[in-house]
Protein backbone atom coordinates (compact mmCIF):
# COMPACT_ATOMS: atom_id res chain seq x y z
CA UNK A 1 183.11 226.87 141.98
CA UNK A 2 181.40 229.39 139.71
CA UNK A 3 183.19 227.90 136.70
CA UNK A 4 181.82 224.45 137.57
CA UNK A 5 178.25 225.73 137.84
CA UNK A 6 178.58 227.70 134.59
CA UNK A 7 180.00 224.74 132.67
CA UNK A 8 177.30 222.39 133.96
CA UNK A 9 174.62 224.81 132.79
CA UNK A 10 176.33 225.14 129.39
CA UNK A 11 176.49 221.37 128.97
CA UNK A 12 172.87 221.00 130.01
CA UNK A 13 171.62 223.68 127.65
CA UNK A 14 173.73 222.31 124.78
CA UNK A 15 172.41 218.81 125.40
CA UNK A 16 168.84 220.09 125.48
CA UNK A 17 169.34 222.03 122.25
CA UNK A 18 170.83 218.97 120.50
CA UNK A 19 168.04 216.75 121.80
CA UNK A 20 165.37 219.09 120.43
CA UNK A 21 167.15 219.43 117.07
CA UNK A 22 167.57 215.66 116.62
CA UNK A 23 163.99 215.02 117.74
CA UNK A 24 162.67 217.40 115.08
CA UNK A 25 164.82 215.76 112.40
CA UNK A 26 163.71 212.29 113.51
CA UNK A 27 160.06 213.40 113.35
CA UNK A 28 160.41 214.56 109.74
CA UNK A 29 162.40 211.48 108.69
CA UNK A 30 159.85 209.08 110.16
CA UNK A 31 157.08 211.02 108.43
CA UNK A 32 158.83 210.65 105.09
CA UNK A 33 159.58 206.98 105.71
CA UNK A 34 155.98 206.13 106.53
CA UNK A 35 154.43 208.23 103.76
CA UNK A 36 156.93 207.17 101.11
CA UNK A 37 157.11 210.76 99.98
CA UNK A 38 160.20 212.83 99.31
CA UNK A 39 160.60 216.38 100.56
CA UNK A 40 160.44 217.60 96.94
CA UNK A 41 157.05 215.95 96.48
CA UNK A 42 155.82 217.38 99.77
CA UNK A 43 156.92 220.93 98.77
CA UNK A 44 155.22 220.61 95.38
CA UNK A 45 151.97 219.44 96.99
CA UNK A 46 151.92 215.91 95.58
CA UNK A 47 149.43 213.93 97.63
CA UNK A 48 149.77 210.19 98.09
CA UNK A 49 146.98 208.19 99.72
CA UNK A 50 148.05 206.66 103.02
CA UNK A 51 146.66 203.33 104.12
CA UNK A 52 148.02 201.07 106.85
CA UNK A 53 149.16 198.54 104.25
CA UNK A 54 151.00 201.23 102.24
CA UNK A 55 152.74 202.51 105.38
CA UNK A 56 153.88 198.97 106.22
CA UNK A 57 155.03 198.43 102.62
CA UNK A 58 157.03 201.68 102.66
CA UNK A 59 158.84 200.71 105.87
CA UNK A 60 159.49 197.20 104.54
CA UNK A 61 160.79 198.57 101.21
CA UNK A 62 163.28 200.83 102.98
CA UNK A 63 164.41 198.56 105.82
CA UNK A 64 164.02 195.13 104.18
CA UNK A 65 162.30 191.93 105.27
CA UNK A 66 163.77 192.17 108.75
CA UNK A 67 162.41 195.73 109.22
CA UNK A 68 162.02 195.38 112.99
CA UNK A 69 165.72 194.71 113.71
CA UNK A 70 167.04 198.27 113.12
CA UNK A 71 164.69 199.47 115.86
CA UNK A 72 166.29 197.01 118.29
CA UNK A 73 169.90 197.57 117.22
CA UNK A 74 171.01 199.72 114.26
CA UNK A 75 173.85 197.28 113.56
CA UNK A 76 171.28 194.81 112.21
CA UNK A 77 170.25 197.17 109.41
CA UNK A 78 169.02 196.15 105.99
CA UNK A 79 171.19 193.93 103.86
CA UNK A 80 172.12 195.75 100.66
CA UNK A 81 172.09 193.54 97.60
CA UNK A 82 175.04 193.90 95.27
CA UNK A 83 174.45 194.44 91.56
CA UNK A 84 177.44 192.20 90.75
CA UNK A 85 175.85 189.03 92.14
């Protein structure tokens, strides 16, 4: 019985740790997606003006014309154009 309680606590704490780690990574990735700024530019202090239209354009540039579909289901991600066409 003690083993069961210990393993449940281990799984819960591991899940919580992973959730926090992925949430932090998601926060930084969304920030870079919206701002259109790389981490190198952010470290060097390059400032880019943010307007609602530039944020929308950045998201549309990365995710394509159907930018809303990856939020519904990641399988409907952006279509990558081939250079051979």
